[in-house]
Amino acid sequence: MLRSDIRRTGAIAAVAVGATVLLASPASAAEESPAGILAQSCKTLSGPAGGSLPLCKTWVWDGNDYDGRWWTNGPSSLPSYSYLQRYEDGWVTNSAYSGSYSDRKKVHFRICDSRAGRCTSWW
């Protein structure tokens, strides 16, 4: 391989990494990823009564809505009365710690605690 090929390959890799970092934000209609490009974001969500949950989500904009999935990215230290909630296009449901969605405009997550009677802000 020639030096110019190595430099060109390195430049392409740097652009790809930069694009991935720019796309790593929550899925919402205001923050669209280019059509067909898979984006991912991970965050450690703190519980309202202590503890935390590392959560990741992906999304891809298909031109009019999002498809994606979510999963835990490590062990949870949430108290036993804490649970995950999911917001999808105006509907709030108690959520499994992993799953997928399709044909949605907005998807967000938060941690709630039934003993504390509180929830965190949406991510």
C-alpha atoms as a PDB file:
ATOM      1  CA  MET A   1       0.000   0.000   0.000  1.00  0.00           C
ATOM      2  CA  LEU A   2       1.354   3.451  -0.885  1.00  0.00           C
ATOM      3  CA  ARG A   3       1.718   6.207   1.695  1.00  0.00           C
ATOM      4  CA  SER A   4      -0.918   8.319  -0.064  1.00  0.00           C
ATOM      5  CA  ASP A   5      -3.366   5.383   0.174  1.00  0.00           C
ATOM      6  CA  ILE A   6      -2.663   5.062   3.902  1.00  0.00           C
ATOM      7  CA  ARG A   7      -3.207   8.813   4.436  1.00  0.00           C
ATOM      8  CA  ARG A   8      -6.419   8.726   2.380  1.00  0.00           C
ATOM      9  CA  THR A   9      -7.700   5.737   4.387  1.00  0.00           C
ATOM     10  CA  GLY A  10      -6.907   7.558   7.645  1.00  0.00           C
ATOM     11  CA  ALA A  11      -8.749  10.675   6.451  1.00  0.00           C
ATOM     12  CA  ILE A  12     -11.817   8.628   5.501  1.00  0.00           C
ATOM     13  CA  ALA A  13     -11.806   6.931   8.923  1.00  0.00           C
ATOM     14  CA  ALA A  14     -11.545  10.323  10.672  1.00  0.00           C
ATOM     15  CA  VAL A  15     -14.522  11.664   8.712  1.00  0.00           C
ATOM     16  CA  ALA A  16     -16.561   8.549   9.549  1.00  0.00           C
ATOM     17  CA  VAL A  17     -15.772   8.875  13.270  1.00  0.00           C
ATOM     18  CA  GLY A  18     -16.632  12.581  13.200  1.00  0.00           C
ATOM     19  CA  ALA A  19     -19.962  11.882  11.499  1.00  0.00           C
ATOM     20  CA  THR A  20     -20.785   9.234  14.105  1.00  0.00           C
ATOM     21  CA  VAL A  21     -20.106  11.683  16.946  1.00  0.00           C
ATOM     22  CA  LEU A  22     -22.273  14.368  15.312  1.00  0.00           C
ATOM     23  CA  LEU A  23     -25.173  11.939  14.900  1.00  0.00           C
ATOM     24  CA  ALA A  24     -25.057  10.643  18.483  1.00  0.00           C
ATOM     25  CA  SER A  25     -28.011  12.605  19.842  1.00  0.00           C
ATOM     26  CA  PRO A  26     -31.554  11.692  20.916  1.00  0.00           C
ATOM     27  CA  ALA A  27     -34.006  10.889  18.151  1.00  0.00           C
ATOM     28  CA  SER A  28     -36.560  13.613  17.567  1.00  0.00           C
ATOM     29  CA  ALA A  29     -38.081  15.303  14.559  1.00  0.00           C
ATOM     30  CA  ALA A  30     -35.942  18.375  15.250  1.00  0.00           C
ATOM     31  CA  GLU A  31     -32.717  16.347  15.130  1.00  0.00           C
ATOM     32  CA  GLU A  32     -33.009  14.214  12.029  1.00  0.00           C
ATOM     33  CA  SER A  33     -30.208  11.951  10.930  1.00  0.00           C
ATOM     34  CA  PRO A  34     -29.793  11.793   7.158  1.00  0.00           C
ATOM     35  CA  ALA A  35     -32.131   9.237   5.576  1.00  0.00           C
ATOM     36  CA  GLY A  36     -30.818   5.710   5.959  1.00  0.00           C
ATOM     37  CA  ILE A  37     -27.944   6.612   8.338  1.00  0.00           C
ATOM     38  CA  LEU A  38     -27.987   4.698  11.628  1.00  0.00           C
ATOM     39  CA  ALA A  39     -27.271   6.927  14.635  1.00  0.00           C
ATOM     40  CA  GLN A  40     -26.542   5.824  18.200  1.00  0.00           C
ATOM     41  CA  SER A  41     -26.399   7.515  21.589  1.00  0.00           C
ATOM     42  CA  CYS A  42     -25.610   6.127  25.033  1.00  0.00           C
ATOM     43  CA  LYS A  43     -26.158   7.786  28.404  1.00  0.00           C
ATOM     44  CA  THR A  44     -26.135   6.765  32.037  1.00  0.00           C
ATOM     45  CA  LEU A  45     -29.547   7.719  33.408  1.00  0.00           C
ATOM     46  CA  SER A  46     -29.669   8.579  37.102  1.00  0.00           C
ATOM     47  CA  GLY A  47     -32.685   7.388  39.070  1.00  0.00           C
ATOM     48  CA  PRO A  48     -34.815   9.836  41.082  1.00  0.00           C
ATOM     49  CA  ALA A  49     -34.170   7.802  44.250  1.00  0.00           C
ATOM     50  CA  GLY A  50     -30.499   7.050  43.500  1.00  0.00           C
ATOM     51  CA  GLY A  51     -28.684   4.535  41.383  1.00  0.00           C
ATOM     52  CA  SER A  52     -28.184   4.593  37.642  1.00  0.00           C
ATOM     53  CA  LEU A  53     -28.905   2.742  34.415  1.00  0.00           C
ATOM     54  CA  PRO A  54     -26.589   2.855  31.390  1.00  0.00           C
ATOM     55  CA  LEU A  55     -28.859   2.936  28.335  1.00  0.00           C
ATOM     56  CA  CYS A  56     -28.157   3.078  24.599  1.00  0.00           C
ATOM     57  CA  LYS A  57     -30.488   3.772  21.699  1.00  0.00           C
ATOM     58  CA  THR A  58     -30.229   3.778  17.934  1.00  0.00           C
ATOM     59  CA  TRP A  59     -32.415   5.396  15.309  1.00  0.00           C
ATOM     60  CA  VAL A  60     -32.539   5.728  11.579  1.00  0.00           C
ATOM     61  CA  TRP A  61     -34.587   8.343   9.725  1.00  0.00           C
ATOM     62  CA  ASP A  62     -36.340   6.747   6.758  1.00  0.00           C
ATOM     63  CA  GLY A  63     -37.663   9.981   5.299  1.00  0.00           C
ATOM     64  CA  ASN A  64     -40.774  10.459   7.423  1.00  0.00           C
ATOM     65  CA  ASP A  65     -40.176   8.784  10.800  1.00  0.00           C
ATOM     66  CA  TYR A  66     -37.681   6.781  12.901  1.00  0.00           C
ATOM     67  CA  ASP A  67     -36.954   3.103  13.407  1.00  0.00           C
ATOM     68  CA  GLY A  68     -34.587   1.988  16.146  1.00  0.00           C
ATOM     69  CA  ARG A  69     -33.879   0.008  19.285  1.00  0.00           C
ATOM     70  CA  TRP A  70     -32.661   0.464  22.874  1.00  0.00           C
ATOM     71  CA  TRP A  71     -30.760  -1.683  25.372  1.00  0.00           C
ATOM     72  CA  THR A  72     -28.856  -1.499  28.642  1.00  0.00           C
ATOM     73  CA  ASN A  73     -25.134  -0.983  28.278  1.00  0.00           C
ATOM     74  CA  GLY A  74     -23.935  -2.406  31.584  1.00  0.00           C
ATOM     75  CA  PRO A  75     -25.256  -3.234  35.036  1.00  0.00           C
ATOM     76  CA  SER A  76     -27.983  -1.199  36.698  1.00  0.00           C
ATOM     77  CA  SER A  77     -27.629   0.090  40.244  1.00  0.00           C
ATOM     78  CA  LEU A  78     -31.223   1.349  40.441  1.00  0.00           C
ATOM     79  CA  PRO A  79     -33.236   0.565  43.584  1.00  0.00           C
ATOM     80  CA  SER A  80     -35.765  -2.243  43.188  1.00  0.00           C
ATOM     81  CA  TYR A  81     -38.711   0.162  42.969  1.00  0.00           C
ATOM     82  CA  SER A  82     -37.280   2.011  39.971  1.00  0.00           C
ATOM     83  CA  TYR A  83     -38.420   1.344  36.422  1.00  0.00           C
ATOM     84  CA  LEU A  84     -37.904   2.615  32.876  1.00  0.00           C
ATOM     85  CA  GLN A  85     -40.592   4.573  31.028  1.00  0.00           C
ATOM     86  CA  ARG A  86     -40.735   5.213  27.300  1.00  0.00           C
ATOM     87  CA  TYR A  87     -42.403   8.089  25.438  1.00  0.00           C
ATOM     88  CA  GLU A  88     -43.429   7.379  21.841  1.00  0.00           C
ATOM     89  CA  ASP A  89     -45.326  10.040  19.895  1.00  0.00           C
ATOM     90  CA  GLY A  90     -47.415  11.219  22.851  1.00  0.00           C
ATOM     91  CA  TRP A  91     -47.839   7.851  24.581  1.00  0.00           C
ATOM     92  CA  VAL A  92     -46.042   7.011  27.848  1.00  0.00           C
ATOM     93  CA  THR A  93     -45.599   3.350  28.832  1.00  0.00           C
ATOM     94  CA  ASN A  94     -43.591   1.405  31.367  1.00  0.00           C
ATOM     95  CA  SER A  95     -40.829  -0.118  29.314  1.00  0.00           C
ATOM     96  CA  ALA A  96     -38.688  -3.216  29.099  1.00  0.00           C
ATOM     97  CA  TYR A  97     -34.947  -2.555  29.394  1.00  0.00           C
ATOM     98  CA  SER A  98     -34.449  -3.488  25.738  1.00  0.00           C
ATOM     99  CA  GLY A  99     -36.596  -3.468  22.662  1.00  0.00           C
ATOM    100  CA  SER A 100     -37.233  -1.836  19.328  1.00  0.00           C
ATOM    101  CA  TYR A 101     -39.599   0.644  17.725  1.00  0.00           C
ATOM    102  CA  SER A 102     -40.619   1.583  14.216  1.00  0.00           C
ATOM    103  CA  ASP A 103     -42.540   4.349  12.483  1.00  0.00           C
ATOM    104  CA  ARG A 104     -42.161   6.873  15.328  1.00  0.00           C
ATOM    105  CA  LYS A 105     -41.554  10.642  15.262  1.00  0.00           C
ATOM    106  CA  LYS A 106     -40.241  10.953  18.854  1.00  0.00           C
ATOM    107  CA  VAL A 107     -38.903   8.372  21.319  1.00  0.00           C
ATOM    108  CA  HIS A 108     -37.540   9.302  24.759  1.00  0.00           C
ATOM    109  CA  PHE A 109     -36.749   7.480  28.019  1.00  0.00           C
ATOM    110  CA  ARG A 110     -36.763   8.282  31.732  1.00  0.00           C
ATOM    111  CA  ILE A 111     -36.396   6.526  35.078  1.00  0.00           C
ATOM    112  CA  CYS A 112     -39.245   6.552  37.608  1.00  0.00           C
ATOM    113  CA  ASP A 113     -39.396   5.297  41.186  1.00  0.00           C
ATOM    114  CA  SER A 114     -42.706   4.117  42.654  1.00  0.00           C
ATOM    115  CA  ARG A 115     -41.619   4.590  46.288  1.00  0.00           C
ATOM    116  CA  ALA A 116     -40.274   8.104  45.719  1.00  0.00           C
ATOM    117  CA  GLY A 117     -43.228   8.958  43.473  1.00  0.00           C
ATOM    118  CA  ARG A 118     -40.973  10.804  41.029  1.00  0.00           C
ATOM    119  CA  CYS A 119     -39.511  10.493  37.540  1.00  0.00           C
ATOM    120  CA  THR A 120     -36.444  12.034  35.948  1.00  0.00           C
ATOM    121  CA  SER A 121     -36.566  14.290  32.904  1.00  0.00           C
ATOM    122  CA  TRP A 122     -36.845  12.700  29.460  1.00  0.00           C
ATOM    123  CA  TRP A 123     -33.785  11.663  27.476  1.00  0.00           C
END
